Amino acid sequence: MTEKKNIQQATFAGGCFWCMVTPFEEMPGIHGIVSGYMGGTVDNPTYEQVKTGTTGHYEVVQITFEPDVFPYERLLELYWPQTDPTDGEGQFQDRGTQYKPAIFFHNEAQQEAALATRQELADSGRFDKPIVTEVLPAQIFYEAEDYHQDYHKKNPKHYKEDRQQSGRDEFIDANWQA
């Protein structure tokens, strides 16, 4: 008899979804990472609609994971250092509401863990501005178009150039490295 695995989802917004995939890849217990959209007012939005900033959607990654192997708290440990949690107007070069940082929780335990880590970060003194990353209930997830999935693998040159120009890596190095 096969043992049933405990599989959950986690959803994170941290600017351009292309850059939010790689930190979670190839980790034990991670079963999939899908780029998409969450939180807006338009059913089945397209990238062209979302990028206007008028639909209310966030660019997100939805991670399917096995918490007994890779706990949600570990996902949060990976999430925070990919973002500027003090910037509520976007992330790095990507500006607009569709790029705001947010943690979408799928259950009460995720909500509690996300709020706790946000408070720990606020109390840490790491940043001199308030932590503005939202913790929101998960909503309908819309998968982004195929060309956005695994973008860093399909278009490595463009991905690398875009990431270098974004300022993300410089911010991470300056604010998150021990």
N, C-alpha and C. Protein backbone atom coordinates (compact mmCIF):
# COMPACT_ATOMS: atom_id res chain seq x y z
N MET A 1 0.84 -1.19 0.00
CA MET A 1 0.00 0.00 0.00
C MET A 1 0.88 1.24 0.00
N THR A 2 0.58 2.19 -0.86
CA THR A 2 1.35 3.41 -0.98
C THR A 2 0.87 4.44 0.05
N GLU A 3 1.84 5.08 0.70
CA GLU A 3 1.51 6.11 1.69
C GLU A 3 1.14 7.40 0.97
N LYS A 4 0.03 8.02 1.38
CA LYS A 4 -0.40 9.28 0.76
C LYS A 4 0.47 10.42 1.29
N LYS A 5 0.99 11.22 0.36
CA LYS A 5 1.84 12.35 0.73
C LYS A 5 0.98 13.55 1.08
N ASN A 6 1.46 14.32 2.03
CA ASN A 6 0.85 15.58 2.41
C ASN A 6 1.40 16.64 1.45
N ILE A 7 0.58 17.11 0.52
CA ILE A 7 0.99 18.10 -0.48
C ILE A 7 0.20 19.39 -0.24
N GLN A 8 0.93 20.51 -0.24
CA GLN A 8 0.30 21.81 -0.06
C GLN A 8 0.77 22.77 -1.14
N GLN A 9 0.16 23.95 -1.14
CA GLN A 9 0.58 25.01 -2.04
C GLN A 9 0.97 26.24 -1.23
N ALA A 10 1.93 26.96 -1.76
CA ALA A 10 2.35 28.24 -1.22
C ALA A 10 2.38 29.22 -2.39
N THR A 11 1.98 30.45 -2.15
CA THR A 11 1.94 31.43 -3.24
C THR A 11 2.61 32.72 -2.76
N PHE A 12 3.58 33.17 -3.56
CA PHE A 12 4.37 34.35 -3.21
C PHE A 12 4.43 35.34 -4.37
N ALA A 13 4.33 36.62 -4.04
CA ALA A 13 4.56 37.70 -4.98
C ALA A 13 5.81 38.44 -4.53
N GLY A 14 6.70 38.67 -5.47
CA GLY A 14 7.95 39.36 -5.13
C GLY A 14 8.53 40.07 -6.34
N GLY A 15 7.67 40.75 -7.07
CA GLY A 15 8.12 41.40 -8.30
C GLY A 15 7.93 40.46 -9.47
N CYS A 16 8.76 40.61 -10.46
CA CYS A 16 8.67 39.78 -11.67
C CYS A 16 8.74 38.30 -11.31
N PHE A 17 7.76 37.55 -11.76
CA PHE A 17 7.71 36.14 -11.38
C PHE A 17 8.86 35.34 -11.95
N TRP A 18 9.49 35.81 -13.01
CA TRP A 18 10.65 35.08 -13.56
C TRP A 18 11.73 34.91 -12.50
N CYS A 19 11.95 35.96 -11.71
CA CYS A 19 13.03 35.94 -10.71
C CYS A 19 12.64 35.21 -9.43
N MET A 20 11.38 34.89 -9.28
CA MET A 20 10.93 34.23 -8.05
C MET A 20 10.91 32.71 -8.17
N VAL A 21 11.28 32.17 -9.32
CA VAL A 21 11.27 30.73 -9.52
C VAL A 21 12.55 30.08 -9.01
N THR A 22 13.69 30.61 -9.42
CA THR A 22 14.97 29.93 -9.18
C THR A 22 15.31 29.69 -7.70
N PRO A 23 14.95 30.56 -6.77
CA PRO A 23 15.33 30.28 -5.37
C PRO A 23 14.71 29.00 -4.82
N PHE A 24 13.60 28.58 -5.39
CA PHE A 24 12.86 27.44 -4.86
C PHE A 24 13.11 26.15 -5.64
N GLU A 25 13.80 26.26 -6.75
CA GLU A 25 14.02 25.10 -7.62
C GLU A 25 14.94 24.07 -6.96
N GLU A 26 14.73 22.85 -7.38
CA GLU A 26 15.62 21.75 -7.03
C GLU A 26 15.81 21.56 -5.53
N MET A 27 14.80 21.91 -4.77
CA MET A 27 14.82 21.67 -3.33
C MET A 27 14.06 20.38 -3.05
N PRO A 28 14.51 19.61 -2.09
CA PRO A 28 13.76 18.39 -1.78
C PRO A 28 12.37 18.74 -1.27
N GLY A 29 11.38 18.01 -1.73
CA GLY A 29 10.01 18.26 -1.29
C GLY A 29 9.26 19.29 -2.10
N ILE A 30 9.94 19.95 -3.06
CA ILE A 30 9.27 20.90 -3.95
C ILE A 30 8.85 20.11 -5.19
N HIS A 31 7.56 20.08 -5.45
CA HIS A 31 7.04 19.28 -6.55
C HIS A 31 6.74 20.09 -7.80
N GLY A 32 6.69 21.41 -7.68
CA GLY A 32 6.43 22.23 -8.86
C GLY A 32 6.38 23.70 -8.51
N ILE A 33 6.75 24.53 -9.48
CA ILE A 33 6.69 25.99 -9.34
C ILE A 33 6.08 26.53 -10.63
N VAL A 34 4.96 27.23 -10.49
CA VAL A 34 4.23 27.74 -11.65
C VAL A 34 4.09 29.25 -11.52
N SER A 35 4.44 29.97 -12.58
CA SER A 35 4.25 31.42 -12.61
C SER A 35 2.81 31.71 -12.97
N GLY A 36 2.26 32.75 -12.34
CA GLY A 36 0.88 33.09 -12.63
C GLY A 36 0.45 34.40 -12.01
N TYR A 37 -0.86 34.53 -11.87
CA TYR A 37 -1.47 35.76 -11.40
C TYR A 37 -2.48 35.44 -10.31
N MET A 38 -2.56 36.32 -9.32
CA MET A 38 -3.53 36.13 -8.24
C MET A 38 -4.00 37.48 -7.75
N GLY A 39 -5.26 37.52 -7.35
CA GLY A 39 -5.76 38.67 -6.62
C GLY A 39 -6.52 39.73 -7.39
N GLY A 40 -6.81 39.56 -8.61
CA GLY A 40 -7.43 40.65 -9.35
C GLY A 40 -8.92 40.51 -9.56
N THR A 41 -9.42 41.35 -10.45
CA THR A 41 -10.86 41.41 -10.72
C THR A 41 -11.23 40.87 -12.09
N VAL A 42 -10.26 40.45 -12.87
CA VAL A 42 -10.51 39.96 -14.22
C VAL A 42 -10.33 38.44 -14.22
N ASP A 43 -11.32 37.72 -14.74
CA ASP A 43 -11.19 36.27 -14.87
C ASP A 43 -10.22 35.94 -16.01
N ASN A 44 -9.38 34.94 -15.78
CA ASN A 44 -8.43 34.47 -16.79
C ASN A 44 -7.63 35.61 -17.43
N PRO A 45 -6.95 36.41 -16.61
CA PRO A 45 -6.22 37.55 -17.17
C PRO A 45 -5.03 37.09 -18.02
N THR A 46 -4.68 37.92 -18.96
CA THR A 46 -3.48 37.69 -19.76
C THR A 46 -2.35 38.56 -19.20
N TYR A 47 -1.15 38.23 -19.60
CA TYR A 47 0.01 39.03 -19.19
C TYR A 47 -0.16 40.48 -19.66
N GLU A 48 -0.66 40.63 -20.88
CA GLU A 48 -0.85 41.98 -21.42
C GLU A 48 -1.81 42.79 -20.54
N GLN A 49 -2.84 42.16 -19.99
CA GLN A 49 -3.77 42.85 -19.10
C GLN A 49 -3.12 43.14 -17.75
N VAL A 50 -2.48 42.14 -17.17
CA VAL A 50 -1.89 42.28 -15.84
C VAL A 50 -0.81 43.35 -15.83
N LYS A 51 0.02 43.38 -16.86
CA LYS A 51 1.15 44.32 -16.85
C LYS A 51 0.72 45.79 -16.90
N THR A 52 -0.56 46.04 -17.23
CA THR A 52 -1.05 47.42 -17.21
C THR A 52 -1.24 47.93 -15.78
N GLY A 53 -1.33 46.99 -14.82
CA GLY A 53 -1.54 47.39 -13.43
C GLY A 53 -2.97 47.73 -13.11
N THR A 54 -3.90 47.47 -14.02
CA THR A 54 -5.29 47.86 -13.81
C THR A 54 -6.20 46.71 -13.42
N THR A 55 -5.70 45.47 -13.39
CA THR A 55 -6.56 44.33 -13.10
C THR A 55 -6.58 43.96 -11.62
N GLY A 56 -5.63 44.48 -10.86
CA GLY A 56 -5.54 44.14 -9.44
C GLY A 56 -4.77 42.86 -9.15
N HIS A 57 -4.29 42.20 -10.19
CA HIS A 57 -3.53 40.97 -9.99
C HIS A 57 -2.09 41.25 -9.59
N TYR A 58 -1.51 40.31 -8.89
CA TYR A 58 -0.08 40.28 -8.60
C TYR A 58 0.54 39.23 -9.49
N GLU A 59 1.78 39.45 -9.91
CA GLU A 59 2.55 38.37 -10.51
C GLU A 59 3.02 37.50 -9.36
N VAL A 60 2.76 36.21 -9.43
CA VAL A 60 3.08 35.30 -8.32
C VAL A 60 3.73 34.02 -8.84
N VAL A 61 4.34 33.31 -7.91
CA VAL A 61 4.72 31.93 -8.14
C VAL A 61 3.93 31.08 -7.17
N GLN A 62 3.38 29.99 -7.69
CA GLN A 62 2.68 29.05 -6.83
C GLN A 62 3.51 27.78 -6.76
N ILE A 63 3.86 27.42 -5.54
CA ILE A 63 4.76 26.31 -5.28
C ILE A 63 3.96 25.16 -4.69
N THR A 64 4.10 23.99 -5.28
CA THR A 64 3.51 22.78 -4.73
C THR A 64 4.62 22.08 -3.96
N PHE A 65 4.36 21.81 -2.68
CA PHE A 65 5.43 21.29 -1.84
C PHE A 65 4.90 20.27 -0.84
N GLU A 66 5.83 19.53 -0.31
CA GLU A 66 5.55 18.50 0.68
C GLU A 66 6.08 18.99 2.03
N PRO A 67 5.23 19.52 2.90
CA PRO A 67 5.71 20.16 4.13
C PRO A 67 6.44 19.22 5.09
N ASP A 68 6.20 17.93 4.97
CA ASP A 68 6.93 16.99 5.83
C ASP A 68 8.40 16.89 5.41
N VAL A 69 8.69 17.25 4.17
CA VAL A 69 10.06 17.21 3.65
C VAL A 69 10.66 18.62 3.63
N PHE A 70 9.87 19.59 3.20
CA PHE A 70 10.32 20.98 3.09
C PHE A 70 9.26 21.87 3.73
N PRO A 71 9.40 22.18 5.01
CA PRO A 71 8.36 22.91 5.73
C PRO A 71 8.09 24.32 5.15
N TYR A 72 6.86 24.77 5.36
CA TYR A 72 6.46 26.10 4.90
C TYR A 72 7.38 27.18 5.46
N GLU A 73 7.79 27.02 6.70
CA GLU A 73 8.69 28.00 7.31
C GLU A 73 9.99 28.13 6.52
N ARG A 74 10.46 27.04 5.96
CA ARG A 74 11.68 27.08 5.13
C ARG A 74 11.40 27.83 3.83
N LEU A 75 10.20 27.68 3.27
CA LEU A 75 9.84 28.47 2.09
C LEU A 75 9.87 29.96 2.42
N LEU A 76 9.36 30.32 3.58
CA LEU A 76 9.40 31.72 4.00
C LEU A 76 10.83 32.22 4.15
N GLU A 77 11.71 31.37 4.68
CA GLU A 77 13.12 31.74 4.82
C GLU A 77 13.75 32.02 3.45
N LEU A 78 13.30 31.32 2.43
CA LEU A 78 13.80 31.57 1.08
C LEU A 78 13.12 32.77 0.43
N TYR A 79 11.85 32.97 0.75
CA TYR A 79 11.08 34.06 0.14
C TYR A 79 11.60 35.44 0.51
N TRP A 80 11.69 35.71 1.81
CA TRP A 80 12.00 37.07 2.26
C TRP A 80 13.25 37.65 1.60
N PRO A 81 14.37 36.93 1.53
CA PRO A 81 15.58 37.53 0.94
C PRO A 81 15.55 37.71 -0.57
N GLN A 82 14.46 37.38 -1.21
CA GLN A 82 14.32 37.64 -2.65
C GLN A 82 13.66 38.98 -2.91
N THR A 83 13.24 39.65 -1.83
CA THR A 83 12.40 40.84 -1.97
C THR A 83 12.98 42.05 -1.25
N ASP A 84 12.42 43.20 -1.59
CA ASP A 84 12.58 44.40 -0.77
C ASP A 84 11.25 44.55 -0.04
N PRO A 85 11.18 44.08 1.20
CA PRO A 85 9.91 44.08 1.92
C PRO A 85 9.44 45.46 2.36
N THR A 86 10.24 46.50 2.05
CA THR A 86 9.86 47.86 2.42
C THR A 86 9.28 48.64 1.23
N ASP A 87 9.21 48.00 0.07
CA ASP A 87 8.77 48.70 -1.14
C ASP A 87 7.37 48.21 -1.55
N GLY A 88 6.37 49.01 -1.26
CA GLY A 88 5.00 48.67 -1.59
C GLY A 88 4.55 49.17 -2.95
N GLU A 89 5.48 49.71 -3.73
CA GLU A 89 5.14 50.25 -5.05
C GLU A 89 5.64 49.36 -6.19
N GLY A 90 6.21 48.22 -5.85
CA GLY A 90 6.77 47.31 -6.84
C GLY A 90 8.02 46.68 -6.28
N GLN A 91 8.83 46.12 -7.12
CA GLN A 91 10.09 45.51 -6.70
C GLN A 91 11.17 45.83 -7.72
N PHE A 92 12.20 46.52 -7.21
CA PHE A 92 13.37 46.81 -8.02
C PHE A 92 12.96 47.61 -9.25
N GLN A 93 13.35 47.24 -10.46
CA GLN A 93 12.98 48.06 -11.63
C GLN A 93 11.52 47.90 -12.02
N ASP A 94 10.86 46.87 -11.48
CA ASP A 94 9.46 46.60 -11.85
C ASP A 94 8.54 47.40 -10.93
N ARG A 95 7.86 48.36 -11.51
CA ARG A 95 7.02 49.27 -10.75
C ARG A 95 5.56 49.00 -11.04
N GLY A 96 4.71 49.17 -10.03
CA GLY A 96 3.28 49.01 -10.21
C GLY A 96 2.72 47.98 -9.23
N THR A 97 1.41 48.03 -9.06
CA THR A 97 0.75 47.16 -8.08
C THR A 97 0.92 45.69 -8.41
N GLN A 98 1.07 45.34 -9.68
CA GLN A 98 1.22 43.94 -10.07
C GLN A 98 2.56 43.36 -9.59
N TYR A 99 3.48 44.20 -9.14
CA TYR A 99 4.80 43.75 -8.70
C TYR A 99 5.01 43.91 -7.19
N LYS A 100 3.97 44.28 -6.47
CA LYS A 100 4.10 44.45 -5.01
C LYS A 100 4.40 43.11 -4.35
N PRO A 101 5.14 43.15 -3.23
CA PRO A 101 5.42 41.90 -2.52
C PRO A 101 4.22 41.49 -1.66
N ALA A 102 3.93 40.19 -1.68
CA ALA A 102 2.83 39.66 -0.87
C ALA A 102 3.02 38.17 -0.66
N ILE A 103 2.51 37.71 0.46
CA ILE A 103 2.45 36.29 0.76
C ILE A 103 0.97 35.94 0.80
N PHE A 104 0.56 35.01 -0.05
CA PHE A 104 -0.82 34.56 -0.08
C PHE A 104 -0.89 33.24 0.69
N PHE A 105 -1.64 33.23 1.78
CA PHE A 105 -1.72 32.02 2.60
C PHE A 105 -2.89 31.14 2.17
N HIS A 106 -2.67 29.81 2.28
CA HIS A 106 -3.67 28.83 1.88
C HIS A 106 -4.36 28.17 3.07
N ASN A 107 -3.86 28.44 4.27
CA ASN A 107 -4.49 27.90 5.47
C ASN A 107 -4.04 28.74 6.68
N GLU A 108 -4.65 28.47 7.80
CA GLU A 108 -4.37 29.27 9.01
C GLU A 108 -2.92 29.14 9.47
N ALA A 109 -2.35 27.95 9.36
CA ALA A 109 -0.96 27.76 9.77
C ALA A 109 -0.02 28.60 8.92
N GLN A 110 -0.27 28.67 7.61
CA GLN A 110 0.54 29.51 6.74
C GLN A 110 0.39 30.99 7.10
N GLN A 111 -0.84 31.40 7.39
CA GLN A 111 -1.07 32.79 7.77
C GLN A 111 -0.28 33.13 9.03
N GLU A 112 -0.37 32.28 10.03
CA GLU A 112 0.34 32.52 11.29
C GLU A 112 1.85 32.57 11.07
N ALA A 113 2.37 31.65 10.29
CA ALA A 113 3.81 31.62 10.03
C ALA A 113 4.26 32.87 9.26
N ALA A 114 3.48 33.27 8.26
CA ALA A 114 3.83 34.45 7.47
C ALA A 114 3.80 35.72 8.33
N LEU A 115 2.77 35.86 9.15
CA LEU A 115 2.68 37.03 10.03
C LEU A 115 3.81 37.03 11.05
N ALA A 116 4.15 35.86 11.58
CA ALA A 116 5.22 35.77 12.57
C ALA A 116 6.56 36.16 11.96
N THR A 117 6.86 35.67 10.75
CA THR A 117 8.14 36.01 10.14
C THR A 117 8.18 37.47 9.71
N ARG A 118 7.04 38.01 9.31
CA ARG A 118 7.01 39.44 8.97
C ARG A 118 7.30 40.28 10.21
N GLN A 119 6.72 39.89 11.35
CA GLN A 119 6.96 40.61 12.60
C GLN A 119 8.42 40.46 13.05
N GLU A 120 8.97 39.26 12.92
CA GLU A 120 10.37 39.04 13.26
C GLU A 120 11.28 39.94 12.43
N LEU A 121 10.98 40.05 11.14
CA LEU A 121 11.76 40.90 10.26
C LEU A 121 11.63 42.37 10.68
N ALA A 122 10.42 42.79 10.99
CA ALA A 122 10.20 44.17 11.43
C ALA A 122 10.97 44.46 12.72
N ASP A 123 10.96 43.50 13.63
CA ASP A 123 11.64 43.68 14.92
C ASP A 123 13.16 43.57 14.82
N SER A 124 13.66 43.01 13.73
CA SER A 124 15.09 42.75 13.61
C SER A 124 15.93 44.00 13.44
N GLY A 125 15.33 45.08 12.94
CA GLY A 125 16.10 46.29 12.68
C GLY A 125 16.92 46.23 11.40
N ARG A 126 16.73 45.20 10.61
CA ARG A 126 17.48 45.05 9.36
C ARG A 126 17.21 46.23 8.41
N PHE A 127 15.97 46.72 8.42
CA PHE A 127 15.59 47.81 7.54
C PHE A 127 15.16 49.01 8.37
N ASP A 128 15.43 50.21 7.85
CA ASP A 128 15.04 51.42 8.59
C ASP A 128 13.69 51.95 8.13
N LYS A 129 13.04 51.23 7.24
CA LYS A 129 11.69 51.58 6.80
C LYS A 129 10.75 50.45 7.22
N PRO A 130 9.46 50.72 7.30
CA PRO A 130 8.50 49.68 7.70
C PRO A 130 8.42 48.54 6.68
N ILE A 131 8.13 47.35 7.18
CA ILE A 131 7.89 46.19 6.34
C ILE A 131 6.46 46.30 5.81
N VAL A 132 6.30 46.33 4.49
CA VAL A 132 4.98 46.55 3.89
C VAL A 132 4.47 45.33 3.13
N THR A 133 5.22 44.25 3.11
CA THR A 133 4.76 43.04 2.43
C THR A 133 3.43 42.62 3.01
N GLU A 134 2.45 42.42 2.14
CA GLU A 134 1.11 42.04 2.59
C GLU A 134 1.03 40.53 2.82
N VAL A 135 0.20 40.13 3.77
CA VAL A 135 -0.14 38.73 4.01
C VAL A 135 -1.64 38.64 3.75
N LEU A 136 -1.98 37.94 2.66
CA LEU A 136 -3.35 37.94 2.15
C LEU A 136 -3.87 36.52 1.96
N PRO A 137 -5.18 36.32 2.05
CA PRO A 137 -5.72 34.99 1.75
C PRO A 137 -5.55 34.67 0.26
N ALA A 138 -5.19 33.43 -0.02
CA ALA A 138 -5.05 33.00 -1.41
C ALA A 138 -6.40 33.12 -2.12
N GLN A 139 -6.32 33.46 -3.37
CA GLN A 139 -7.50 33.59 -4.21
C GLN A 139 -7.32 32.67 -5.41
N ILE A 140 -8.14 32.86 -6.42
CA ILE A 140 -8.02 32.03 -7.61
C ILE A 140 -6.66 32.30 -8.26
N PHE A 141 -5.97 31.21 -8.57
CA PHE A 141 -4.68 31.28 -9.23
C PHE A 141 -4.89 31.06 -10.72
N TYR A 142 -4.35 31.98 -11.51
CA TYR A 142 -4.40 31.85 -12.96
C TYR A 142 -2.98 31.62 -13.46
N GLU A 143 -2.77 30.51 -14.12
CA GLU A 143 -1.45 30.18 -14.65
C GLU A 143 -1.09 31.15 -15.77
N ALA A 144 0.15 31.65 -15.72
CA ALA A 144 0.63 32.54 -16.77
C ALA A 144 0.84 31.76 -18.06
N GLU A 145 0.97 32.48 -19.13
CA GLU A 145 1.18 31.89 -20.45
C GLU A 145 2.42 31.00 -20.45
N ASP A 146 2.44 30.04 -21.35
CA ASP A 146 3.53 29.06 -21.42
C ASP A 146 4.91 29.70 -21.51
N TYR A 147 5.03 30.80 -22.25
CA TYR A 147 6.36 31.38 -22.44
C TYR A 147 6.93 31.96 -21.14
N HIS A 148 6.09 32.17 -20.13
CA HIS A 148 6.58 32.64 -18.83
C HIS A 148 7.06 31.50 -17.94
N GLN A 149 6.63 30.28 -18.19
CA GLN A 149 7.00 29.15 -17.36
C GLN A 149 8.46 28.78 -17.63
N ASP A 150 9.23 28.66 -16.55
CA ASP A 150 10.66 28.33 -16.67
C ASP A 150 11.38 29.27 -17.62
N TYR A 151 11.02 30.54 -17.57
CA TYR A 151 11.58 31.53 -18.48
C TYR A 151 13.10 31.54 -18.45
N HIS A 152 13.67 31.40 -17.25
CA HIS A 152 15.12 31.44 -17.09
C HIS A 152 15.81 30.30 -17.83
N LYS A 153 15.11 29.21 -18.06
CA LYS A 153 15.67 28.08 -18.82
C LYS A 153 15.44 28.24 -20.33
N LYS A 154 14.30 28.78 -20.69
CA LYS A 154 13.96 28.94 -22.11
C LYS A 154 14.71 30.11 -22.75
N ASN A 155 14.95 31.15 -21.96
CA ASN A 155 15.59 32.38 -22.46
C ASN A 155 16.68 32.83 -21.51
N PRO A 156 17.72 32.02 -21.32
CA PRO A 156 18.71 32.33 -20.28
C PRO A 156 19.44 33.65 -20.49
N LYS A 157 19.74 33.99 -21.73
CA LYS A 157 20.47 35.24 -21.99
C LYS A 157 19.62 36.44 -21.59
N HIS A 158 18.37 36.49 -22.05
CA HIS A 158 17.49 37.61 -21.73
C HIS A 158 17.21 37.65 -20.22
N TYR A 159 16.96 36.49 -19.63
CA TYR A 159 16.70 36.44 -18.20
C TYR A 159 17.87 37.03 -17.42
N LYS A 160 19.08 36.61 -17.76
CA LYS A 160 20.28 37.09 -17.05
C LYS A 160 20.44 38.60 -17.21
N GLU A 161 20.24 39.10 -18.43
CA GLU A 161 20.34 40.55 -18.68
C GLU A 161 19.29 41.32 -17.90
N ASP A 162 18.05 40.82 -17.93
CA ASP A 162 16.95 41.48 -17.22
C ASP A 162 17.22 41.50 -15.72
N ARG A 163 17.66 40.39 -15.19
CA ARG A 163 17.94 40.31 -13.76
C ARG A 163 19.08 41.25 -13.37
N GLN A 164 20.12 41.31 -14.18
CA GLN A 164 21.24 42.21 -13.89
C GLN A 164 20.80 43.67 -13.90
N GLN A 165 19.93 44.03 -14.84
CA GLN A 165 19.46 45.41 -14.95
C GLN A 165 18.47 45.78 -13.86
N SER A 166 17.83 44.79 -13.26
CA SER A 166 16.74 45.06 -12.33
C SER A 166 17.19 45.67 -11.01
N GLY A 167 18.41 45.41 -10.59
CA GLY A 167 18.87 45.87 -9.29
C GLY A 167 18.57 44.88 -8.17
N ARG A 168 17.91 43.79 -8.49
CA ARG A 168 17.54 42.79 -7.48
C ARG A 168 18.77 42.21 -6.80
N ASP A 169 19.74 41.75 -7.59
CA ASP A 169 20.90 41.09 -7.00
C ASP A 169 21.73 42.04 -6.13
N GLU A 170 21.86 43.29 -6.56
CA GLU A 170 22.59 44.27 -5.76
C GLU A 170 21.88 44.50 -4.42
N PHE A 171 20.56 44.59 -4.46
CA PHE A 171 19.79 44.79 -3.22
C PHE A 171 19.95 43.58 -2.30
N ILE A 172 19.83 42.40 -2.87
CA ILE A 172 19.97 41.18 -2.06
C ILE A 172 21.36 41.15 -1.42
N ASP A 173 22.38 41.40 -2.20
CA ASP A 173 23.75 41.38 -1.67
C ASP A 173 23.93 42.41 -0.56
N ALA A 174 23.38 43.60 -0.75
CA ALA A 174 23.56 44.68 0.23
C ALA A 174 22.73 44.51 1.49
N ASN A 175 21.58 43.85 1.38
CA ASN A 175 20.66 43.83 2.51
C ASN A 175 20.39 42.47 3.13
N TRP A 176 20.72 41.40 2.43
CA TRP A 176 20.35 40.09 2.92
C TRP A 176 21.52 39.17 3.19
N GLN A 177 22.70 39.49 2.66
CA GLN A 177 23.84 38.61 2.90
C GLN A 177 24.30 38.79 4.34
N ALA A 178 24.69 37.70 4.95
CA ALA A 178 25.09 37.73 6.38
C ALA A 178 26.32 38.60 6.56
